[in-house]
C-alpha atoms as a PDB file:
ATOM      1  CA  MET A   1       3.396  86.322  -6.754  1.00  0.00           C
ATOM      2  CA  PRO A   2       0.798  83.493  -6.503  1.00  0.00           C
ATOM      3  CA  ASP A   3       1.314  80.342  -8.520  1.00  0.00           C
ATOM      4  CA  LYS A   4      -0.618  80.000 -11.721  1.00  0.00           C
ATOM      5  CA  PRO A   5      -3.295  77.255 -11.900  1.00  0.00           C
ATOM      6  CA  GLU A   6      -1.200  75.303 -14.389  1.00  0.00           C
ATOM      7  CA  ASP A   7       1.720  75.334 -11.911  1.00  0.00           C
ATOM      8  CA  HIS A   8      -0.429  73.570  -9.307  1.00  0.00           C
ATOM      9  CA  SER A   9      -1.627  70.977 -11.825  1.00  0.00           C
ATOM     10  CA  GLU A  10       1.975  70.342 -12.933  1.00  0.00           C
ATOM     11  CA  LYS A  11       3.048  69.788  -9.330  1.00  0.00           C
ATOM     12  CA  LYS A  12       0.184  67.370  -8.787  1.00  0.00           C
ATOM     13  CA  SER A  13       1.095  65.447 -11.924  1.00  0.00           C
ATOM     14  CA  ASN A  14       4.661  65.039 -10.603  1.00  0.00           C
ATOM     15  CA  TRP A  15       3.574  63.448  -7.323  1.00  0.00           C
ATOM     16  CA  PRO A  16       3.748  59.867  -8.675  1.00  0.00           C
ATOM     17  CA  LEU A  17       7.364  60.507  -9.704  1.00  0.00           C
ATOM     18  CA  PHE A  18       8.227  61.879  -6.258  1.00  0.00           C
ATOM     19  CA  ILE A  19       6.575  58.935  -4.522  1.00  0.00           C
ATOM     20  CA  ALA A  20       8.297  56.411  -6.786  1.00  0.00           C
ATOM     21  CA  GLY A  21      11.654  58.140  -6.276  1.00  0.00           C
ATOM     22  CA  GLY A  22      11.200  58.162  -2.511  1.00  0.00           C
ATOM     23  CA  ALA A  23      10.254  54.486  -2.493  1.00  0.00           C
ATOM     24  CA  LEU A  24      13.331  53.709  -4.601  1.00  0.00           C
ATOM     25  CA  VAL A  25      15.648  55.505  -2.169  1.00  0.00           C
ATOM     26  CA  VAL A  26      14.074  53.782   0.854  1.00  0.00           C
ATOM     27  CA  GLY A  27      14.333  50.399  -0.875  1.00  0.00           C
ATOM     28  CA  LEU A  28      18.013  50.927  -1.687  1.00  0.00           C
ATOM     29  CA  LEU A  29      18.768  51.998   1.892  1.00  0.00           C
ATOM     30  CA  ILE A  30      17.003  48.925   3.279  1.00  0.00           C
ATOM     31  CA  TYR A  31      18.954  46.692   0.909  1.00  0.00           C
ATOM     32  CA  CYS A  32      22.333  48.303   1.624  1.00  0.00           C
ATOM     33  CA  ILE A  33      21.935  48.383   5.418  1.00  0.00           C
ATOM     34  CA  TRP A  34      20.029  45.211   6.267  1.00  0.00           C
ATOM     35  CA  LEU A  35      19.224  42.809   3.432  1.00  0.00           C
ATOM     36  CA  ARG A  36      22.219  42.441   1.092  1.00  0.00           C
ATOM     37  CA  TRP A  37      20.595  39.510  -0.720  1.00  0.00           C
ATOM     38  CA  GLU A  38      22.378  37.617  -3.451  1.00  0.00           C
ATOM     39  CA  GLY A  39      21.246  37.668  -7.070  1.00  0.00           C
ATOM     40  CA  VAL A  40      18.779  35.109  -8.403  1.00  0.00           C
ATOM     41  CA  THR A  41      19.581  33.733 -11.855  1.00  0.00           C
ATOM     42  CA  LEU A  42      16.794  33.354 -14.397  1.00  0.00           C
ATOM     43  CA  THR A  43      17.641  30.976 -17.234  1.00  0.00           C
ATOM     44  CA  VAL A  44      15.807  32.058 -20.393  1.00  0.00           C
ATOM     45  CA  LYS A  45      16.101  29.951 -23.542  1.00  0.00           C
ATOM     46  CA  VAL A  46      14.287  31.229 -26.606  1.00  0.00           C
ATOM     47  CA  SER A  47      13.261  27.732 -27.632  1.00  0.00           C
ATOM     48  CA  ASP A  48      11.743  27.031 -24.205  1.00  0.00           C
ATOM     49  CA  LEU A  49      10.043  30.415 -23.754  1.00  0.00           C
ATOM     50  CA  PRO A  50       6.667  29.641 -25.434  1.00  0.00           C
ATOM     51  CA  GLY A  51       6.357  26.317 -23.633  1.00  0.00           C
ATOM     52  CA  LEU A  52       7.221  27.693 -20.190  1.00  0.00           C
ATOM     53  CA  LEU A  53       4.762  30.577 -20.541  1.00  0.00           C
ATOM     54  CA  ALA A  54       2.029  28.472 -22.149  1.00  0.00           C
ATOM     55  CA  PRO A  55       0.309  27.778 -18.781  1.00  0.00           C
ATOM     56  CA  VAL A  56       0.261  31.517 -18.030  1.00  0.00           C
ATOM     57  CA  VAL A  57      -1.220  32.269 -21.465  1.00  0.00           C
ATOM     58  CA  PHE A  58      -3.863  29.587 -20.995  1.00  0.00           C
ATOM     59  CA  ALA A  59      -4.752  30.861 -17.515  1.00  0.00           C
ATOM     60  CA  ALA A  60      -4.999  34.437 -18.830  1.00  0.00           C
ATOM     61  CA  ALA A  61      -7.371  33.315 -21.601  1.00  0.00           C
ATOM     62  CA  VAL A  62      -9.536  31.442 -19.088  1.00  0.00           C
ATOM     63  CA  ILE A  63      -9.648  34.488 -16.809  1.00  0.00           C
ATOM     64  CA  GLU A  64     -10.610  36.745 -19.724  1.00  0.00           C
ATOM     65  CA  ARG A  65     -13.514  34.487 -20.639  1.00  0.00           C
ATOM     66  CA  THR A  66     -14.599  34.159 -17.004  1.00  0.00           C
ATOM     67  CA  VAL A  67     -14.657  37.938 -16.552  1.00  0.00           C
ATOM     68  CA  GLU A  68     -16.703  38.296 -19.731  1.00  0.00           C
ATOM     69  CA  ILE A  69     -19.222  35.741 -18.462  1.00  0.00           C
ATOM     70  CA  LEU A  70     -19.497  37.487 -15.096  1.00  0.00           C
ATOM     71  CA  ILE A  71     -19.686  41.080 -16.384  1.00  0.00           C
ATOM     72  CA  SER A  72     -21.774  40.743 -19.558  1.00  0.00           C
ATOM     73  CA  PRO A  73     -25.158  39.847 -18.002  1.00  0.00           C
ATOM     74  CA  TRP A  74     -24.742  42.654 -15.499  1.00  0.00           C
ATOM     75  CA  ARG A  75     -23.611  45.493 -17.773  1.00  0.00           C
ATOM     76  CA  ASP A  76     -24.584  44.660 -21.366  1.00  0.00           C
ATOM     77  CA  THR A  77     -28.250  45.615 -20.933  1.00  0.00           C
ATOM     78  CA  GLY A  78     -27.361  49.128 -19.837  1.00  0.00           C
ATOM     79  CA  ALA A  79     -24.868  49.512 -22.682  1.00  0.00           C
ATOM     80  CA  ASP A  80     -27.465  48.386 -25.238  1.00  0.00           C
ATOM     81  CA  ARG A  81     -29.962  50.882 -23.854  1.00  0.00           C
ATOM     82  CA  LEU A  82     -27.472  53.756 -24.079  1.00  0.00           C
ATOM     83  CA  GLU A  83     -26.425  52.744 -27.605  1.00  0.00           C
ATOM     84  CA  THR A  84     -30.090  52.754 -28.638  1.00  0.00           C
ATOM     85  CA  ASN A  85     -30.564  56.168 -27.076  1.00  0.00           C
ATOM     86  CA  LEU A  86     -27.535  57.499 -28.987  1.00  0.00           C
ATOM     87  CA  ALA A  87     -28.859  56.032 -32.241  1.00  0.00           C
ATOM     88  CA  VAL A  88     -32.243  57.694 -31.650  1.00  0.00           C
ATOM     89  CA  VAL A  89     -30.589  61.062 -31.045  1.00  0.00           C
ATOM     90  CA  LYS A  90     -28.518  60.693 -34.240  1.00  0.00           C
ATOM     91  CA  ALA A  91     -31.661  59.872 -36.232  1.00  0.00           C
ATOM     92  CA  GLN A  92     -33.493  62.990 -35.105  1.00  0.00           C
ATOM     93  CA  PRO A  93     -33.832  65.927 -37.517  1.00  0.00           C
ATOM     94  CA  ALA A  94     -30.978  68.374 -37.409  1.00  0.00           C
ATOM     95  CA  ASP A  95     -31.611  71.431 -35.262  1.00  0.00           C
ATOM     96  CA  GLY A  96     -29.722  73.670 -32.871  1.00  0.00           C
ATOM     97  CA  ALA A  97     -30.100  71.305 -29.910  1.00  0.00           C
ATOM     98  CA  LYS A  98     -29.054  68.090 -31.707  1.00  0.00           C
ATOM     99  CA  PRO A  99     -25.248  68.478 -31.392  1.00  0.00           C
ATOM    100  CA  ASP A 100     -25.465  68.989 -27.632  1.00  0.00           C
ATOM    101  CA  ALA A 101     -27.920  66.110 -27.196  1.00  0.00           C
ATOM    102  CA  GLN A 102     -25.768  63.808 -29.310  1.00  0.00           C
ATOM    103  CA  LYS A 103     -22.638  64.767 -27.394  1.00  0.00           C
ATOM    104  CA  ALA A 104     -24.374  64.179 -24.049  1.00  0.00           C
ATOM    105  CA  ALA A 105     -25.649  60.762 -25.171  1.00  0.00           C
ATOM    106  CA  ALA A 106     -22.187  59.771 -26.451  1.00  0.00           C
ATOM    107  CA  ASN A 107     -20.506  60.924 -23.236  1.00  0.00           C
ATOM    108  CA  THR A 108     -22.972  58.942 -21.140  1.00  0.00           C
ATOM    109  CA  LEU A 109     -22.242  55.815 -23.194  1.00  0.00           C
ATOM    110  CA  HIS A 110     -18.479  56.320 -22.926  1.00  0.00           C
ATOM    111  CA  GLU A 111     -18.683  56.841 -19.157  1.00  0.00           C
ATOM    112  CA  TYR A 112     -20.764  53.694 -18.811  1.00  0.00           C
ATOM    113  CA  ARG A 113     -18.267  51.683 -20.856  1.00  0.00           C
ATOM    114  CA  GLY A 114     -15.390  53.132 -18.836  1.00  0.00           C
ATOM    115  CA  THR A 115     -17.055  52.074 -15.602  1.00  0.00           C
ATOM    116  CA  THR A 116     -17.612  48.608 -17.059  1.00  0.00           C
ATOM    117  CA  GLN A 117     -13.925  48.349 -17.947  1.00  0.00           C
ATOM    118  CA  ARG A 118     -12.951  49.303 -14.391  1.00  0.00           C
ATOM    119  CA  TYR A 119     -15.299  46.669 -12.963  1.00  0.00           C
ATOM    120  CA  ALA A 120     -13.911  44.084 -15.383  1.00  0.00           C
ATOM    121  CA  PHE A 121     -10.335  44.950 -14.459  1.00  0.00           C
ATOM    122  CA  ALA A 122     -11.107  44.682 -10.734  1.00  0.00           C
ATOM    123  CA  VAL A 123     -12.665  41.236 -11.190  1.00  0.00           C
ATOM    124  CA  SER A 124      -9.845  40.169 -13.508  1.00  0.00           C
ATOM    125  CA  LEU A 125      -7.171  41.323 -11.042  1.00  0.00           C
ATOM    126  CA  LEU A 126      -8.862  39.448  -8.191  1.00  0.00           C
ATOM    127  CA  LEU A 127      -9.109  36.223 -10.208  1.00  0.00           C
ATOM    128  CA  SER A 128      -5.532  36.688 -11.461  1.00  0.00           C
ATOM    129  CA  LEU A 129      -4.237  37.135  -7.914  1.00  0.00           C
ATOM    130  CA  CYS A 130      -5.993  33.958  -6.788  1.00  0.00           C
ATOM    131  CA  THR A 131      -4.584  32.089  -9.800  1.00  0.00           C
ATOM    132  CA  SER A 132      -1.074  33.383  -9.160  1.00  0.00           C
ATOM    133  CA  ILE A 133      -1.225  32.476  -5.470  1.00  0.00           C
ATOM    134  CA  ALA A 134      -2.412  29.001  -6.491  1.00  0.00           C
ATOM    135  CA  GLY A 135       0.844  28.536  -8.431  1.00  0.00           C
ATOM    136  CA  VAL A 136       0.511  29.815 -12.018  1.00  0.00           C
ATOM    137  CA  ARG A 137       3.423  32.238 -12.196  1.00  0.00           C
ATOM    138  CA  ALA A 138       5.612  33.928 -14.780  1.00  0.00           C
ATOM    139  CA  LEU A 139       9.104  33.996 -13.234  1.00  0.00           C
ATOM    140  CA  GLY A 140       9.172  30.733 -11.309  1.00  0.00           C
ATOM    141  CA  PRO A 141       9.498  28.437 -14.359  1.00  0.00           C
ATOM    142  CA  PHE A 142      12.778  30.140 -15.315  1.00  0.00           C
ATOM    143  CA  LEU A 143      14.484  29.433 -11.977  1.00  0.00           C
ATOM    144  CA  ASP A 144      16.822  26.581 -11.115  1.00  0.00           C
ATOM    145  CA  SER A 145      14.502  24.742  -8.718  1.00  0.00           C
ATOM    146  CA  ALA A 146      17.352  23.188  -6.692  1.00  0.00           C
ATOM    147  CA  LYS A 147      19.203  26.484  -6.181  1.00  0.00           C
ATOM    148  CA  PHE A 148      15.972  28.312  -5.381  1.00  0.00           C
ATOM    149  CA  ALA A 149      15.023  25.664  -2.797  1.00  0.00           C
ATOM    150  CA  ALA A 150      18.479  26.064  -1.227  1.00  0.00           C
ATOM    151  CA  LEU A 151      17.845  29.810  -1.029  1.00  0.00           C
ATOM    152  CA  ALA A 152      15.101  29.108   1.506  1.00  0.00           C
ATOM    153  CA  GLY A 153      17.793  27.875   3.881  1.00  0.00           C
ATOM    154  CA  THR A 154      20.441  30.526   3.282  1.00  0.00           C
ATOM    155  CA  HIS A 155      18.200  33.579   2.753  1.00  0.00           C
ATOM    156  CA  PRO A 156      14.629  32.694   3.791  1.00  0.00           C
ATOM    157  CA  GLY A 157      13.543  36.337   3.626  1.00  0.00           C
ATOM    158  CA  GLN A 158      14.747  36.648   0.034  1.00  0.00           C
ATOM    159  CA  HIS A 159      13.034  33.371  -0.866  1.00  0.00           C
ATOM    160  CA  ALA A 160       9.703  34.584   0.517  1.00  0.00           C
ATOM    161  CA  PHE A 161      10.097  38.052  -0.996  1.00  0.00           C
ATOM    162  CA  PHE A 162      10.846  36.642  -4.445  1.00  0.00           C
ATOM    163  CA  LEU A 163       7.708  34.486  -4.276  1.00  0.00           C
ATOM    164  CA  THR A 164       5.698  37.548  -3.257  1.00  0.00           C
ATOM    165  CA  VAL A 165       7.071  39.616  -6.141  1.00  0.00           C
ATOM    166  CA  ASP A 166       6.454  36.733  -8.548  1.00  0.00           C
ATOM    167  CA  VAL A 167       2.840  36.504  -7.367  1.00  0.00           C
ATOM    168  CA  MET A 168       2.295  40.253  -7.816  1.00  0.00           C
ATOM    169  CA  LEU A 169       3.909  40.427 -11.261  1.00  0.00           C
ATOM    170  CA  SER A 170       2.143  37.287 -12.442  1.00  0.00           C
ATOM    171  CA  ALA A 171      -1.237  38.542 -11.216  1.00  0.00           C
ATOM    172  CA  THR A 172      -0.761  41.823 -13.070  1.00  0.00           C
ATOM    173  CA  LEU A 173       0.347  39.984 -16.201  1.00  0.00           C
ATOM    174  CA  LEU A 174      -2.615  37.611 -16.066  1.00  0.00           C
ATOM    175  CA  ALA A 175      -5.008  40.526 -15.601  1.00  0.00           C
ATOM    176  CA  GLY A 176      -3.597  42.086 -18.781  1.00  0.00           C
ATOM    177  CA  GLY A 177      -4.855  39.159 -20.852  1.00  0.00           C
ATOM    178  CA  ALA A 178      -3.339  36.552 -23.131  1.00  0.00           C
ATOM    179  CA  ASP A 179      -2.493  39.097 -25.852  1.00  0.00           C
ATOM    180  CA  GLY A 180      -0.182  40.944 -23.473  1.00  0.00           C
ATOM    181  CA  ILE A 181       1.721  37.744 -22.670  1.00  0.00           C
ATOM    182  CA  HIS A 182       1.970  36.899 -26.372  1.00  0.00           C
ATOM    183  CA  SER A 183       3.506  40.331 -26.970  1.00  0.00           C
ATOM    184  CA  ILE A 184       6.171  39.625 -24.330  1.00  0.00           C
ATOM    185  CA  VAL A 185       7.037  36.278 -25.923  1.00  0.00           C
ATOM    186  CA  ASN A 186       7.200  37.879 -29.380  1.00  0.00           C
ATOM    187  CA  ALA A 187       9.330  40.782 -28.135  1.00  0.00           C
ATOM    188  CA  VAL A 188      11.841  38.536 -26.361  1.00  0.00           C
ATOM    189  CA  THR A 189      11.989  36.087 -29.269  1.00  0.00           C
ATOM    190  CA  SER A 190      12.497  38.891 -31.791  1.00  0.00           C
ATOM    191  CA  PHE A 191      15.248  40.425 -29.648  1.00  0.00           C
ATOM    192  CA  PHE A 192      17.199  37.195 -29.314  1.00  0.00           C
ATOM    193  CA  ASN A 193      16.756  36.350 -32.981  1.00  0.00           C
ATOM    194  CA  ALA A 194      17.954  39.800 -34.013  1.00  0.00           C
ATOM    195  CA  THR A 195      20.940  39.504 -31.676  1.00  0.00           C
ATOM    196  CA  ALA A 196      21.830  36.080 -33.082  1.00  0.00           C
ATOM    197  CA  ASP A 197      21.532  37.344 -36.664  1.00  0.00           C
ATOM    198  CA  LYS A 198      23.752  40.324 -35.854  1.00  0.00           C
ATOM    199  CA  ALA A 199      26.377  38.080 -34.256  1.00  0.00           C
ATOM    200  CA  THR A 200      26.285  35.751 -37.277  1.00  0.00           C
ATOM    201  CA  LYS A 201      26.753  38.633 -39.716  1.00  0.00           C
ATOM    202  CA  GLN A 202      29.667  40.010 -37.691  1.00  0.00           C
ATOM    203  CA  ALA A 203      31.308  36.570 -37.576  1.00  0.00           C
ATOM    204  CA  ASN A 204      30.972  36.169 -41.353  1.00  0.00           C
ATOM    205  CA  SER A 205      32.216  39.662 -42.187  1.00  0.00           C
END
């Protein structure tokens, strides 16, 4: 009995999970057989968190503004034209063709804005990668600099790999904007504060 169309679409939607699972298994095998790297300790103090991530937040805000400056002159004119066209269609007298025309105009505007967002993200990711490679990173400030420098002598591959991962994560974080970094700081701060309050209540009870 042939598969139903929805069965094929469900299988396609599961491909990212299969790929991620396969990559996880391969990564674990590589680690167990060849690498066997030691753990790297990140020291996170709630009081120091905003200050250590402040450069990343500032860089993300600068990148956001830069992307806006680069994209706006290129794409805003087209968006204004499509918004005007949609407003004209909405202002027309109601008839049988108006709903379809209005829907088509709205879809065209949404597709244009979606394309603009993809262009903006591509530019933002490129600038964020350059910024991260230059040295503005999210995980590095939480490392013990002396121990991490010693790691270059004992496990040079791990040292280089950690820097690579830090660059990738930092670039992605920067591309997400300053608000995303603020949300991380707020989430971590709230978690530690809640944990401290819980421990205090248990000690007093």
